[in-house]
Amino acid sequence: IDAKVQRANTAKVNLIPFNPFAGTRFERSEETRIRDFQKLLL
């Protein structure tokens, strides 16, 4: 996206820890995994 727009940081990412609710099959990522994911992007 940044390359096509020719502008740095046009695309930003907001990582959202999953918020559980009754009946869901998903679980929130562990804090360390979220931070590792963020570091790879940064």
PDB file of all heavy atoms in Angstrom:
ATOM      1  N   ILE A   1       0.839  -1.208   0.000  1.00  0.00           N
ATOM      2  CA  ILE A   1       0.000   0.000   0.000  1.00  0.00           C
ATOM      3  C   ILE A   1       0.868   1.249   0.000  1.00  0.00           C
ATOM      4  O   ILE A   1       0.655   2.181  -0.783  1.00  0.00           O
ATOM      5  CB  ILE A   1      -0.953  -0.005   1.213  1.00  0.00           C
ATOM      6  CG1 ILE A   1      -1.994  -1.114   1.056  1.00  0.00           C
ATOM      7  CG2 ILE A   1      -1.648   1.353   1.367  1.00  0.00           C
ATOM      8  CD1 ILE A   1      -2.893  -1.280   2.255  1.00  0.00           C
ATOM      9  N   ASP A   2       1.850   1.292   0.890  1.00  0.00           N
ATOM     10  CA  ASP A   2       2.741   2.455   0.958  1.00  0.00           C
ATOM     11  C   ASP A   2       3.419   2.707  -0.386  1.00  0.00           C
ATOM     12  O   ASP A   2       3.555   3.869  -0.821  1.00  0.00           O
ATOM     13  CB  ASP A   2       3.807   2.240   2.034  1.00  0.00           C
ATOM     14  CG  ASP A   2       3.261   2.399   3.446  1.00  0.00           C
ATOM     15  OD1 ASP A   2       2.052   2.689   3.587  1.00  0.00           O
ATOM     16  OD2 ASP A   2       4.034   2.232   4.410  1.00  0.00           O
ATOM     17  N   ALA A   3       3.826   1.630  -1.052  1.00  0.00           N
ATOM     18  CA  ALA A   3       4.512   1.774  -2.338  1.00  0.00           C
ATOM     19  C   ALA A   3       3.578   2.331  -3.401  1.00  0.00           C
ATOM     20  O   ALA A   3       3.969   3.197  -4.198  1.00  0.00           O
ATOM     21  CB  ALA A   3       5.076   0.425  -2.782  1.00  0.00           C
ATOM     22  N   LYS A   4       2.334   1.865  -3.426  1.00  0.00           N
ATOM     23  CA  LYS A   4       1.387   2.333  -4.437  1.00  0.00           C
ATOM     24  C   LYS A   4       0.979   3.785  -4.202  1.00  0.00           C
ATOM     25  O   LYS A   4       0.774   4.547  -5.154  1.00  0.00           O
ATOM     26  CB  LYS A   4       0.151   1.433  -4.470  1.00  0.00           C
ATOM     27  CG  LYS A   4       0.407   0.067  -5.082  1.00  0.00           C
ATOM     28  CD  LYS A   4      -0.883  -0.727  -5.243  1.00  0.00           C
ATOM     29  CE  LYS A   4      -0.623  -2.048  -5.963  1.00  0.00           C
ATOM     30  NZ  LYS A   4      -1.880  -2.823  -6.159  1.00  0.00           N
ATOM     31  N   VAL A   5       0.857   4.160  -2.942  1.00  0.00           N
ATOM     32  CA  VAL A   5       0.487   5.555  -2.626  1.00  0.00           C
ATOM     33  C   VAL A   5       1.721   6.458  -2.681  1.00  0.00           C
ATOM     34  O   VAL A   5       1.609   7.673  -2.806  1.00  0.00           O
ATOM     35  CB  VAL A   5      -0.180   5.622  -1.238  1.00  0.00           C
ATOM     36  CG1 VAL A   5      -0.544   7.053  -0.856  1.00  0.00           C
ATOM     37  CG2 VAL A   5      -1.439   4.754  -1.219  1.00  0.00           C
ATOM     38  N   GLN A   6       2.895   5.843  -2.590  1.00  0.00           N
ATOM     39  CA  GLN A   6       4.177   6.545  -2.568  1.00  0.00           C
ATOM     40  C   GLN A   6       4.267   7.481  -1.364  1.00  0.00           C
ATOM     41  O   GLN A   6       4.650   8.641  -1.467  1.00  0.00           O
ATOM     42  CB  GLN A   6       4.397   7.319  -3.878  1.00  0.00           C
ATOM     43  CG  GLN A   6       4.516   6.397  -5.095  1.00  0.00           C
ATOM     44  CD  GLN A   6       4.865   7.156  -6.357  1.00  0.00           C
ATOM     45  OE1 GLN A   6       4.489   8.302  -6.544  1.00  0.00           O
ATOM     46  NE2 GLN A   6       5.603   6.507  -7.245  1.00  0.00           N
ATOM     47  N   ARG A   7       3.889   6.895  -0.216  1.00  0.00           N
ATOM     48  CA  ARG A   7       3.948   7.666   1.025  1.00  0.00           C
ATOM     49  C   ARG A   7       4.150   6.692   2.185  1.00  0.00           C
ATOM     50  O   ARG A   7       3.408   5.712   2.318  1.00  0.00           O
ATOM     51  CB  ARG A   7       2.658   8.475   1.222  1.00  0.00           C
ATOM     52  CG  ARG A   7       2.728   9.469   2.357  1.00  0.00           C
ATOM     53  CD  ARG A   7       1.549  10.429   2.334  1.00  0.00           C
ATOM     54  NE  ARG A   7       0.287   9.779   2.629  1.00  0.00           N
ATOM     55  CZ  ARG A   7      -0.750   9.737   1.801  1.00  0.00           C
ATOM     56  NH1 ARG A   7      -0.660  10.274   0.610  1.00  0.00           N
ATOM     57  NH2 ARG A   7      -1.867   9.147   2.158  1.00  0.00           N
ATOM     58  N   ALA A   8       5.152   6.936   3.011  1.00  0.00           N
ATOM     59  CA  ALA A   8       5.428   6.050   4.140  1.00  0.00           C
ATOM     60  C   ALA A   8       4.312   6.129   5.168  1.00  0.00           C
ATOM     61  O   ALA A   8       3.694   7.180   5.371  1.00  0.00           O
ATOM     62  CB  ALA A   8       6.761   6.435   4.787  1.00  0.00           C
ATOM     63  N   ASN A   9       4.063   5.014   5.814  1.00  0.00           N
ATOM     64  CA  ASN A   9       3.077   4.919   6.898  1.00  0.00           C
ATOM     65  C   ASN A   9       1.658   5.283   6.477  1.00  0.00           C
ATOM     66  O   ASN A   9       0.862   5.730   7.300  1.00  0.00           O
ATOM     67  CB  ASN A   9       3.508   5.780   8.093  1.00  0.00           C
ATOM     68  CG  ASN A   9       4.787   5.302   8.734  1.00  0.00           C
ATOM     69  OD1 ASN A   9       5.074   4.108   8.727  1.00  0.00           O
ATOM     70  ND2 ASN A   9       5.573   6.228   9.253  1.00  0.00           N
ATOM     71  N   THR A  10       1.346   5.106   5.196  1.00  0.00           N
ATOM     72  CA  THR A  10      -0.057   5.237   4.786  1.00  0.00           C
ATOM     73  C   THR A  10      -0.875   4.144   5.456  1.00  0.00           C
ATOM     74  O   THR A  10      -2.008   4.374   5.891  1.00  0.00           O
ATOM     75  CB  THR A  10      -0.192   5.117   3.260  1.00  0.00           C
ATOM     76  OG1 THR A  10       0.471   6.221   2.651  1.00  0.00           O
ATOM     77  CG2 THR A  10      -1.654   5.138   2.835  1.00  0.00           C
ATOM     78  N   ALA A  11      -0.292   2.938   5.520  1.00  0.00           N
ATOM     79  CA  ALA A  11      -0.964   1.804   6.157  1.00  0.00           C
ATOM     80  C   ALA A  11      -0.404   1.608   7.566  1.00  0.00           C
ATOM     81  O   ALA A  11       0.798   1.440   7.756  1.00  0.00           O
ATOM     82  CB  ALA A  11      -0.759   0.545   5.323  1.00  0.00           C
ATOM     83  N   LYS A  12      -1.309   1.652   8.551  1.00  0.00           N
ATOM     84  CA  LYS A  12      -0.939   1.397   9.943  1.00  0.00           C
ATOM     85  C   LYS A  12      -1.693   0.166  10.422  1.00  0.00           C
ATOM     86  O   LYS A  12      -2.793  -0.118   9.945  1.00  0.00           O
ATOM     87  CB  LYS A  12      -1.301   2.594  10.833  1.00  0.00           C
ATOM     88  CG  LYS A  12      -0.650   3.901  10.424  1.00  0.00           C
ATOM     89  CD  LYS A  12      -0.923   4.984  11.456  1.00  0.00           C
ATOM     90  CE  LYS A  12      -2.405   5.300  11.561  1.00  0.00           C
ATOM     91  NZ  LYS A  12      -2.673   6.449  12.477  1.00  0.00           N
ATOM     92  N   VAL A  13      -1.120  -0.541  11.379  1.00  0.00           N
ATOM     93  CA  VAL A  13      -1.761  -1.742  11.905  1.00  0.00           C
ATOM     94  C   VAL A  13      -2.090  -1.531  13.378  1.00  0.00           C
ATOM     95  O   VAL A  13      -1.268  -1.033  14.157  1.00  0.00           O
ATOM     96  CB  VAL A  13      -0.858  -2.981  11.740  1.00  0.00           C
ATOM     97  CG1 VAL A  13      -1.465  -4.192  12.452  1.00  0.00           C
ATOM     98  CG2 VAL A  13      -0.652  -3.297  10.258  1.00  0.00           C
ATOM     99  N   ASN A  14      -3.311  -1.906  13.745  1.00  0.00           N
ATOM    100  CA  ASN A  14      -3.754  -1.852  15.134  1.00  0.00           C
ATOM    101  C   ASN A  14      -4.034  -3.281  15.579  1.00  0.00           C
ATOM    102  O   ASN A  14      -5.006  -3.897  15.129  1.00  0.00           O
ATOM    103  CB  ASN A  14      -5.019  -0.990  15.247  1.00  0.00           C
ATOM    104  CG  ASN A  14      -5.329  -0.598  16.679  1.00  0.00           C
ATOM    105  OD1 ASN A  14      -4.613  -0.954  17.598  1.00  0.00           O
ATOM    106  ND2 ASN A  14      -6.428   0.129  16.856  1.00  0.00           N
ATOM    107  N   LEU A  15      -3.170  -3.834  16.405  1.00  0.00           N
ATOM    108  CA  LEU A  15      -3.349  -5.190  16.907  1.00  0.00           C
ATOM    109  C   LEU A  15      -4.311  -5.173  18.097  1.00  0.00           C
ATOM    110  O   LEU A  15      -4.119  -4.415  19.046  1.00  0.00           O
ATOM    111  CB  LEU A  15      -2.005  -5.788  17.330  1.00  0.00           C
ATOM    112  CG  LEU A  15      -0.935  -5.879  16.235  1.00  0.00           C
ATOM    113  CD1 LEU A  15       0.359  -6.446  16.808  1.00  0.00           C
ATOM    114  CD2 LEU A  15      -1.412  -6.721  15.066  1.00  0.00           C
ATOM    115  N   ILE A  16      -5.345  -6.000  18.022  1.00  0.00           N
ATOM    116  CA  ILE A  16      -6.403  -6.000  19.029  1.00  0.00           C
ATOM    117  C   ILE A  16      -6.442  -7.369  19.713  1.00  0.00           C
ATOM    118  O   ILE A  16      -6.781  -8.365  19.067  1.00  0.00           O
ATOM    119  CB  ILE A  16      -7.774  -5.713  18.395  1.00  0.00           C
ATOM    120  CG1 ILE A  16      -7.731  -4.412  17.586  1.00  0.00           C
ATOM    121  CG2 ILE A  16      -8.868  -5.661  19.451  1.00  0.00           C
ATOM    122  CD1 ILE A  16      -8.946  -4.200  16.698  1.00  0.00           C
ATOM    123  N   PRO A  17      -6.089  -7.452  20.986  1.00  0.00           N
ATOM    124  CA  PRO A  17      -6.228  -8.731  21.683  1.00  0.00           C
ATOM    125  C   PRO A  17      -7.684  -9.192  21.635  1.00  0.00           C
ATOM    126  O   PRO A  17      -8.599  -8.421  21.935  1.00  0.00           O
ATOM    127  CB  PRO A  17      -5.792  -8.404  23.120  1.00  0.00           C
ATOM    128  CG  PRO A  17      -4.924  -7.182  22.986  1.00  0.00           C
ATOM    129  CD  PRO A  17      -5.519  -6.395  21.855  1.00  0.00           C
ATOM    130  N   PHE A  18      -7.911 -10.428  21.239  1.00  0.00           N
ATOM    131  CA  PHE A  18      -9.267 -10.958  21.138  1.00  0.00           C
ATOM    132  C   PHE A  18      -9.965 -10.907  22.494  1.00  0.00           C
ATOM    133  O   PHE A  18      -9.388 -11.262  23.522  1.00  0.00           O
ATOM    134  CB  PHE A  18      -9.231 -12.403  20.631  1.00  0.00           C
ATOM    135  CG  PHE A  18     -10.566 -13.090  20.658  1.00  0.00           C
ATOM    136  CD1 PHE A  18     -11.571 -12.712  19.779  1.00  0.00           C
ATOM    137  CD2 PHE A  18     -10.821 -14.107  21.569  1.00  0.00           C
ATOM    138  CE1 PHE A  18     -12.816 -13.338  19.815  1.00  0.00           C
ATOM    139  CE2 PHE A  18     -12.053 -14.738  21.604  1.00  0.00           C
ATOM    140  CZ  PHE A  18     -13.053 -14.348  20.720  1.00  0.00           C
ATOM    141  N   ASN A  19     -11.219 -10.458  22.487  1.00  0.00           N
ATOM    142  CA  ASN A  19     -12.007 -10.379  23.715  1.00  0.00           C
ATOM    143  C   ASN A  19     -13.035 -11.503  23.726  1.00  0.00           C
ATOM    144  O   ASN A  19     -13.975 -11.496  22.933  1.00  0.00           O
ATOM    145  CB  ASN A  19     -12.696  -9.011  23.802  1.00  0.00           C
ATOM    146  CG  ASN A  19     -11.685  -7.889  23.953  1.00  0.00           C
ATOM    147  OD1 ASN A  19     -10.871  -7.900  24.868  1.00  0.00           O
ATOM    148  ND2 ASN A  19     -11.716  -6.924  23.045  1.00  0.00           N
ATOM    149  N   PRO A  20     -12.862 -12.487  24.608  1.00  0.00           N
ATOM    150  CA  PRO A  20     -13.729 -13.673  24.595  1.00  0.00           C
ATOM    151  C   PRO A  20     -15.175 -13.346  24.949  1.00  0.00           C
ATOM    152  O   PRO A  20     -15.469 -12.358  25.620  1.00  0.00           O
ATOM    153  CB  PRO A  20     -13.099 -14.568  25.673  1.00  0.00           C
ATOM    154  CG  PRO A  20     -11.721 -14.050  25.872  1.00  0.00           C
ATOM    155  CD  PRO A  20     -11.800 -12.582  25.608  1.00  0.00           C
ATOM    156  N   PHE A  21     -16.073 -14.204  24.497  1.00  0.00           N
ATOM    157  CA  PHE A  21     -17.490 -14.117  24.843  1.00  0.00           C
ATOM    158  C   PHE A  21     -18.042 -15.535  24.908  1.00  0.00           C
ATOM    159  O   PHE A  21     -17.439 -16.484  24.380  1.00  0.00           O
ATOM    160  CB  PHE A  21     -18.265 -13.252  23.831  1.00  0.00           C
ATOM    161  CG  PHE A  21     -18.122 -13.702  22.400  1.00  0.00           C
ATOM    162  CD1 PHE A  21     -18.992 -14.626  21.842  1.00  0.00           C
ATOM    163  CD2 PHE A  21     -17.110 -13.185  21.593  1.00  0.00           C
ATOM    164  CE1 PHE A  21     -18.862 -15.045  20.526  1.00  0.00           C
ATOM    165  CE2 PHE A  21     -16.970 -13.594  20.267  1.00  0.00           C
ATOM    166  CZ  PHE A  21     -17.848 -14.525  19.734  1.00  0.00           C
ATOM    167  N   ALA A  22     -19.173 -15.711  25.546  1.00  0.00           N
ATOM    168  CA  ALA A  22     -19.747 -17.040  25.764  1.00  0.00           C
ATOM    169  C   ALA A  22     -20.003 -17.751  24.440  1.00  0.00           C
ATOM    170  O   ALA A  22     -20.629 -17.195  23.542  1.00  0.00           O
ATOM    171  CB  ALA A  22     -21.050 -16.918  26.549  1.00  0.00           C
ATOM    172  N   GLY A  23     -19.516 -18.972  24.338  1.00  0.00           N
ATOM    173  CA  GLY A  23     -19.787 -19.783  23.171  1.00  0.00           C
ATOM    174  C   GLY A  23     -18.758 -19.698  22.062  1.00  0.00           C
ATOM    175  O   GLY A  23     -18.835 -20.444  21.086  1.00  0.00           O
ATOM    176  N   THR A  24     -17.775 -18.788  22.181  1.00  0.00           N
ATOM    177  CA  THR A  24     -16.790 -18.645  21.110  1.00  0.00           C
ATOM    178  C   THR A  24     -15.771 -19.779  21.134  1.00  0.00           C
ATOM    179  O   THR A  24     -15.462 -20.338  22.194  1.00  0.00           O
ATOM    180  CB  THR A  24     -16.046 -17.299  21.207  1.00  0.00           C
ATOM    181  OG1 THR A  24     -15.142 -17.192  20.107  1.00  0.00           O
ATOM    182  CG2 THR A  24     -15.254 -17.196  22.507  1.00  0.00           C
ATOM    183  N   ARG A  25     -15.253 -20.127  19.964  1.00  0.00           N
ATOM    184  CA  ARG A  25     -14.220 -21.159  19.874  1.00  0.00           C
ATOM    185  C   ARG A  25     -12.814 -20.560  19.890  1.00  0.00           C
ATOM    186  O   ARG A  25     -11.829 -21.297  19.899  1.00  0.00           O
ATOM    187  CB  ARG A  25     -14.407 -21.977  18.591  1.00  0.00           C
ATOM    188  CG  ARG A  25     -14.276 -21.186  17.295  1.00  0.00           C
ATOM    189  CD  ARG A  25     -14.614 -22.053  16.095  1.00  0.00           C
ATOM    190  NE  ARG A  25     -14.696 -21.300  14.846  1.00  0.00           N
ATOM    191  CZ  ARG A  25     -13.669 -21.107  14.028  1.00  0.00           C
ATOM    192  NH1 ARG A  25     -12.484 -21.619  14.328  1.00  0.00           N
ATOM    193  NH2 ARG A  25     -13.830 -20.429  12.912  1.00  0.00           N
ATOM    194  N   PHE A  26     -12.714 -19.225  19.874  1.00  0.00           N
ATOM    195  CA  PHE A  26     -11.407 -18.572  19.803  1.00  0.00           C
ATOM    196  C   PHE A  26     -10.880 -18.217  21.188  1.00  0.00           C
ATOM    197  O   PHE A  26     -11.650 -18.032  22.136  1.00  0.00           O
ATOM    198  CB  PHE A  26     -11.494 -17.309  18.947  1.00  0.00           C
ATOM    199  CG  PHE A  26     -11.911 -17.566  17.527  1.00  0.00           C
ATOM    200  CD1 PHE A  26     -13.168 -17.190  17.081  1.00  0.00           C
ATOM    201  CD2 PHE A  26     -11.054 -18.201  16.636  1.00  0.00           C
ATOM    202  CE1 PHE A  26     -13.567 -17.424  15.770  1.00  0.00           C
ATOM    203  CE2 PHE A  26     -11.438 -18.444  15.334  1.00  0.00           C
ATOM    204  CZ  PHE A  26     -12.693 -18.063  14.896  1.00  0.00           C
ATOM    205  N   GLU A  27      -9.556 -18.080  21.266  1.00  0.00           N
ATOM    206  CA  GLU A  27      -8.904 -17.642  22.493  1.00  0.00           C
ATOM    207  C   GLU A  27      -7.983 -16.466  22.184  1.00  0.00           C
ATOM    208  O   GLU A  27      -7.474 -16.331  21.074  1.00  0.00           O
ATOM    209  CB  GLU A  27      -8.069 -18.779  23.098  1.00  0.00           C
ATOM    210  CG  GLU A  27      -8.885 -19.984  23.528  1.00  0.00           C
ATOM    211  CD  GLU A  27      -8.018 -21.099  24.082  1.00  0.00           C
ATOM    212  OE1 GLU A  27      -6.772 -20.911  24.119  1.00  0.00           O
ATOM    213  OE2 GLU A  27      -8.568 -22.142  24.459  1.00  0.00           O
ATOM    214  N   ARG A  28      -7.764 -15.627  23.182  1.00  0.00           N
ATOM    215  CA  ARG A  28      -6.877 -14.469  23.020  1.00  0.00           C
ATOM    216  C   ARG A  28      -5.425 -14.921  22.901  1.00  0.00           C
ATOM    217  O   ARG A  28      -4.981 -15.813  23.629  1.00  0.00           O
ATOM    218  CB  ARG A  28      -7.030 -13.531  24.214  1.00  0.00           C
ATOM    219  CG  ARG A  28      -6.115 -12.309  24.171  1.00  0.00           C
ATOM    220  CD  ARG A  28      -6.272 -11.452  25.405  1.00  0.00           C
ATOM    221  NE  ARG A  28      -7.612 -10.874  25.485  1.00  0.00           N
ATOM    222  CZ  ARG A  28      -8.012 -10.068  26.467  1.00  0.00           C
ATOM    223  NH1 ARG A  28      -7.184  -9.755  27.444  1.00  0.00           N
ATOM    224  NH2 ARG A  28      -9.243  -9.591  26.468  1.00  0.00           N
ATOM    225  N   SER A  29      -4.704 -14.306  21.984  1.00  0.00           N
ATOM    226  CA  SER A  29      -3.267 -14.599  21.868  1.00  0.00           C
ATOM    227  C   SER A  29      -2.548 -14.207  23.157  1.00  0.00           C
ATOM    228  O   SER A  29      -2.915 -13.233  23.827  1.00  0.00           O
ATOM    229  CB  SER A  29      -2.659 -13.811  20.703  1.00  0.00           C
ATOM    230  OG  SER A  29      -3.237 -14.198  19.473  1.00  0.00           O
ATOM    231  N   GLU A  30      -1.521 -14.963  23.485  1.00  0.00           N
ATOM    232  CA  GLU A  30      -0.724 -14.635  24.657  1.00  0.00           C
ATOM    233  C   GLU A  30      -0.014 -13.301  24.444  1.00  0.00           C
ATOM    234  O   GLU A  30       0.344 -12.936  23.327  1.00  0.00           O
ATOM    235  CB  GLU A  30       0.306 -15.742  24.909  1.00  0.00           C
ATOM    236  CG  GLU A  30      -0.329 -17.076  25.266  1.00  0.00           C
ATOM    237  CD  GLU A  30       0.690 -18.196  25.339  1.00  0.00           C
ATOM    238  OE1 GLU A  30       1.884 -17.920  25.048  1.00  0.00           O
ATOM    239  OE2 GLU A  30       0.300 -19.329  25.667  1.00  0.00           O
ATOM    240  N   GLU A  31       0.208 -12.595  25.543  1.00  0.00           N
ATOM    241  CA  GLU A  31       0.815 -11.260  25.469  1.00  0.00           C
ATOM    242  C   GLU A  31       2.170 -11.298  24.769  1.00  0.00           C
ATOM    243  O   GLU A  31       2.486 -10.430  23.946  1.00  0.00           O
ATOM    244  CB  GLU A  31       0.962 -10.695  26.884  1.00  0.00           C
ATOM    245  CG  GLU A  31       1.613  -9.319  26.943  1.00  0.00           C
ATOM    246  CD  GLU A  31       0.737  -8.204  26.382  1.00  0.00           C
ATOM    247  OE1 GLU A  31      -0.496  -8.401  26.288  1.00  0.00           O
ATOM    248  OE2 GLU A  31       1.288  -7.139  26.030  1.00  0.00           O
ATOM    249  N   THR A  32       2.989 -12.310  25.079  1.00  0.00           N
ATOM    250  CA  THR A  32       4.315 -12.382  24.447  1.00  0.00           C
ATOM    251  C   THR A  32       4.201 -12.584  22.941  1.00  0.00           C
ATOM    252  O   THR A  32       4.989 -12.024  22.172  1.00  0.00           O
ATOM    253  CB  THR A  32       5.136 -13.532  25.063  1.00  0.00           C
ATOM    254  OG1 THR A  32       4.373 -14.754  24.980  1.00  0.00           O
ATOM    255  CG2 THR A  32       5.469 -13.246  26.511  1.00  0.00           C
ATOM    256  N   ARG A  33       3.195 -13.359  22.527  1.00  0.00           N
ATOM    257  CA  ARG A  33       3.031 -13.596  21.095  1.00  0.00           C
ATOM    258  C   ARG A  33       2.568 -12.321  20.386  1.00  0.00           C
ATOM    259  O   ARG A  33       3.003 -12.034  19.267  1.00  0.00           O
ATOM    260  CB  ARG A  33       2.029 -14.728  20.865  1.00  0.00           C
ATOM    261  CG  ARG A  33       1.937 -15.140  19.400  1.00  0.00           C
ATOM    262  CD  ARG A  33       1.114 -16.401  19.202  1.00  0.00           C
ATOM    263  NE  ARG A  33       1.800 -17.593  19.679  1.00  0.00           N
ATOM    264  CZ  ARG A  33       1.406 -18.829  19.369  1.00  0.00           C
ATOM    265  NH1 ARG A  33       0.356 -19.024  18.598  1.00  0.00           N
ATOM    266  NH2 ARG A  33       2.067 -19.867  19.841  1.00  0.00           N
ATOM    267  N   ILE A  34       1.711 -11.546  21.041  1.00  0.00           N
ATOM    268  CA  ILE A  34       1.261 -10.273  20.459  1.00  0.00           C
ATOM    269  C   ILE A  34       2.446  -9.328  20.289  1.00  0.00           C
ATOM    270  O   ILE A  34       2.610  -8.685  19.243  1.00  0.00           O
ATOM    271  CB  ILE A  34       0.166  -9.631  21.340  1.00  0.00           C
ATOM    272  CG1 ILE A  34      -1.101 -10.498  21.342  1.00  0.00           C
ATOM    273  CG2 ILE A  34      -0.162  -8.220  20.842  1.00  0.00           C
ATOM    274  CD1 ILE A  34      -2.168 -10.021  22.313  1.00  0.00           C
ATOM    275  N   ARG A  35       3.298  -9.251  21.315  1.00  0.00           N
ATOM    276  CA  ARG A  35       4.450  -8.346  21.250  1.00  0.00           C
ATOM    277  C   ARG A  35       5.474  -8.815  20.211  1.00  0.00           C
ATOM    278  O   ARG A  35       6.084  -7.989  19.520  1.00  0.00           O
ATOM    279  CB  ARG A  35       5.099  -8.230  22.632  1.00  0.00           C
ATOM    280  CG  ARG A  35       4.226  -7.532  23.658  1.00  0.00           C
ATOM    281  CD  ARG A  35       3.906  -6.107  23.251  1.00  0.00           C
ATOM    282  NE  ARG A  35       2.926  -5.480  24.140  1.00  0.00           N
ATOM    283  CZ  ARG A  35       2.435  -4.259  23.957  1.00  0.00           C
ATOM    284  NH1 ARG A  35       2.829  -3.537  22.907  1.00  0.00           N
ATOM    285  NH2 ARG A  35       1.545  -3.764  24.789  1.00  0.00           N
ATOM    286  N   ASP A  36       5.653 -10.128  20.081  1.00  0.00           N
ATOM    287  CA  ASP A  36       6.555 -10.648  19.048  1.00  0.00           C
ATOM    288  C   ASP A  36       6.014 -10.325  17.649  1.00  0.00           C
ATOM    289  O   ASP A  36       6.783  -9.979  16.735  1.00  0.00           O
ATOM    290  CB  ASP A  36       6.714 -12.162  19.200  1.00  0.00           C
ATOM    291  CG  ASP A  36       7.534 -12.552  20.422  1.00  0.00           C
ATOM    292  OD1 ASP A  36       8.209 -11.667  20.985  1.00  0.00           O
ATOM    293  OD2 ASP A  36       7.491 -13.733  20.808  1.00  0.00           O
ATOM    294  N   PHE A  37       4.713 -10.447  17.503  1.00  0.00           N
ATOM    295  CA  PHE A  37       4.046 -10.131  16.232  1.00  0.00           C
ATOM    296  C   PHE A  37       4.251  -8.655  15.896  1.00  0.00           C
ATOM    297  O   PHE A  37       4.598  -8.289  14.760  1.00  0.00           O
ATOM    298  CB  PHE A  37       2.556 -10.454  16.368  1.00  0.00           C
ATOM    299  CG  PHE A  37       1.797 -10.575  15.071  1.00  0.00           C
ATOM    300  CD1 PHE A  37       1.579 -11.809  14.487  1.00  0.00           C
ATOM    301  CD2 PHE A  37       1.263  -9.446  14.451  1.00  0.00           C
ATOM    302  CE1 PHE A  37       0.846 -11.932  13.302  1.00  0.00           C
ATOM    303  CE2 PHE A  37       0.544  -9.551  13.275  1.00  0.00           C
ATOM    304  CZ  PHE A  37       0.337 -10.802  12.693  1.00  0.00           C
ATOM    305  N   GLN A  38       4.066  -7.797  16.901  1.00  0.00           N
ATOM    306  CA  GLN A  38       4.265  -6.362  16.701  1.00  0.00           C
ATOM    307  C   GLN A  38       5.705  -6.064  16.298  1.00  0.00           C
ATOM    308  O   GLN A  38       5.952  -5.257  15.390  1.00  0.00           O
ATOM    309  CB  GLN A  38       3.919  -5.596  17.987  1.00  0.00           C
ATOM    310  CG  GLN A  38       4.109  -4.085  17.852  1.00  0.00           C
ATOM    311  CD  GLN A  38       3.987  -3.370  19.195  1.00  0.00           C
ATOM    312  OE1 GLN A  38       4.292  -3.943  20.245  1.00  0.00           O
ATOM    313  NE2 GLN A  38       3.554  -2.119  19.158  1.00  0.00           N
ATOM    314  N   LYS A  39       6.657  -6.729  16.955  1.00  0.00           N
ATOM    315  CA  LYS A  39       8.071  -6.471  16.652  1.00  0.00           C
ATOM    316  C   LYS A  39       8.410  -6.850  15.207  1.00  0.00           C
ATOM    317  O   LYS A  39       9.155  -6.125  14.520  1.00  0.00           O
ATOM    318  CB  LYS A  39       8.976  -7.229  17.627  1.00  0.00           C
ATOM    319  CG  LYS A  39      10.464  -6.905  17.464  1.00  0.00           C
ATOM    320  CD  LYS A  39      11.306  -7.588  18.510  1.00  0.00           C
ATOM    321  CE  LYS A  39      12.770  -7.134  18.409  1.00  0.00           C
ATOM    322  NZ  LYS A  39      13.359  -7.328  17.068  1.00  0.00           N
ATOM    323  N   LEU A  40       7.868  -7.961  14.729  1.00  0.00           N
ATOM    324  CA  LEU A  40       8.116  -8.362  13.343  1.00  0.00           C
ATOM    325  C   LEU A  40       7.604  -7.300  12.374  1.00  0.00           C
ATOM    326  O   LEU A  40       8.262  -6.986  11.366  1.00  0.00           O
ATOM    327  CB  LEU A  40       7.447  -9.708  13.057  1.00  0.00           C
ATOM    328  CG  LEU A  40       8.146 -10.953  13.620  1.00  0.00           C
ATOM    329  CD1 LEU A  40       7.252 -12.176  13.481  1.00  0.00           C
ATOM    330  CD2 LEU A  40       9.485 -11.184  12.927  1.00  0.00           C
ATOM    331  N   LEU A  41       6.446  -6.736  12.663  1.00  0.00           N
ATOM    332  CA  LEU A  41       5.897  -5.690  11.806  1.00  0.00           C
ATOM    333  C   LEU A  41       6.724  -4.412  11.888  1.00  0.00           C
ATOM    334  O   LEU A  41       7.029  -3.776  10.859  1.00  0.00           O
ATOM    335  CB  LEU A  41       4.438  -5.408  12.183  1.00  0.00           C
ATOM    336  CG  LEU A  41       3.427  -6.493  11.817  1.00  0.00           C
ATOM    337  CD1 LEU A  41       2.098  -6.241  12.516  1.00  0.00           C
ATOM    338  CD2 LEU A  41       3.205  -6.542  10.309  1.00  0.00           C
ATOM    339  N   LEU A  42       7.091  -4.015  13.097  1.00  0.00           N
ATOM    340  CA  LEU A  42       7.902  -2.802  13.265  1.00  0.00           C
ATOM    341  C   LEU A  42       9.255  -2.944  12.581  1.00  0.00           C
ATOM    342  O   LEU A  42       9.731  -2.011  11.918  1.00  0.00           O
ATOM    343  CB  LEU A  42       8.092  -2.502  14.754  1.00  0.00           C
ATOM    344  CG  LEU A  42       6.852  -2.028  15.522  1.00  0.00           C
ATOM    345  CD1 LEU A  42       7.134  -1.979  17.023  1.00  0.00           C
ATOM    346  CD2 LEU A  42       6.398  -0.649  15.029  1.00  0.00           C
TER     347      LEU A  42
END
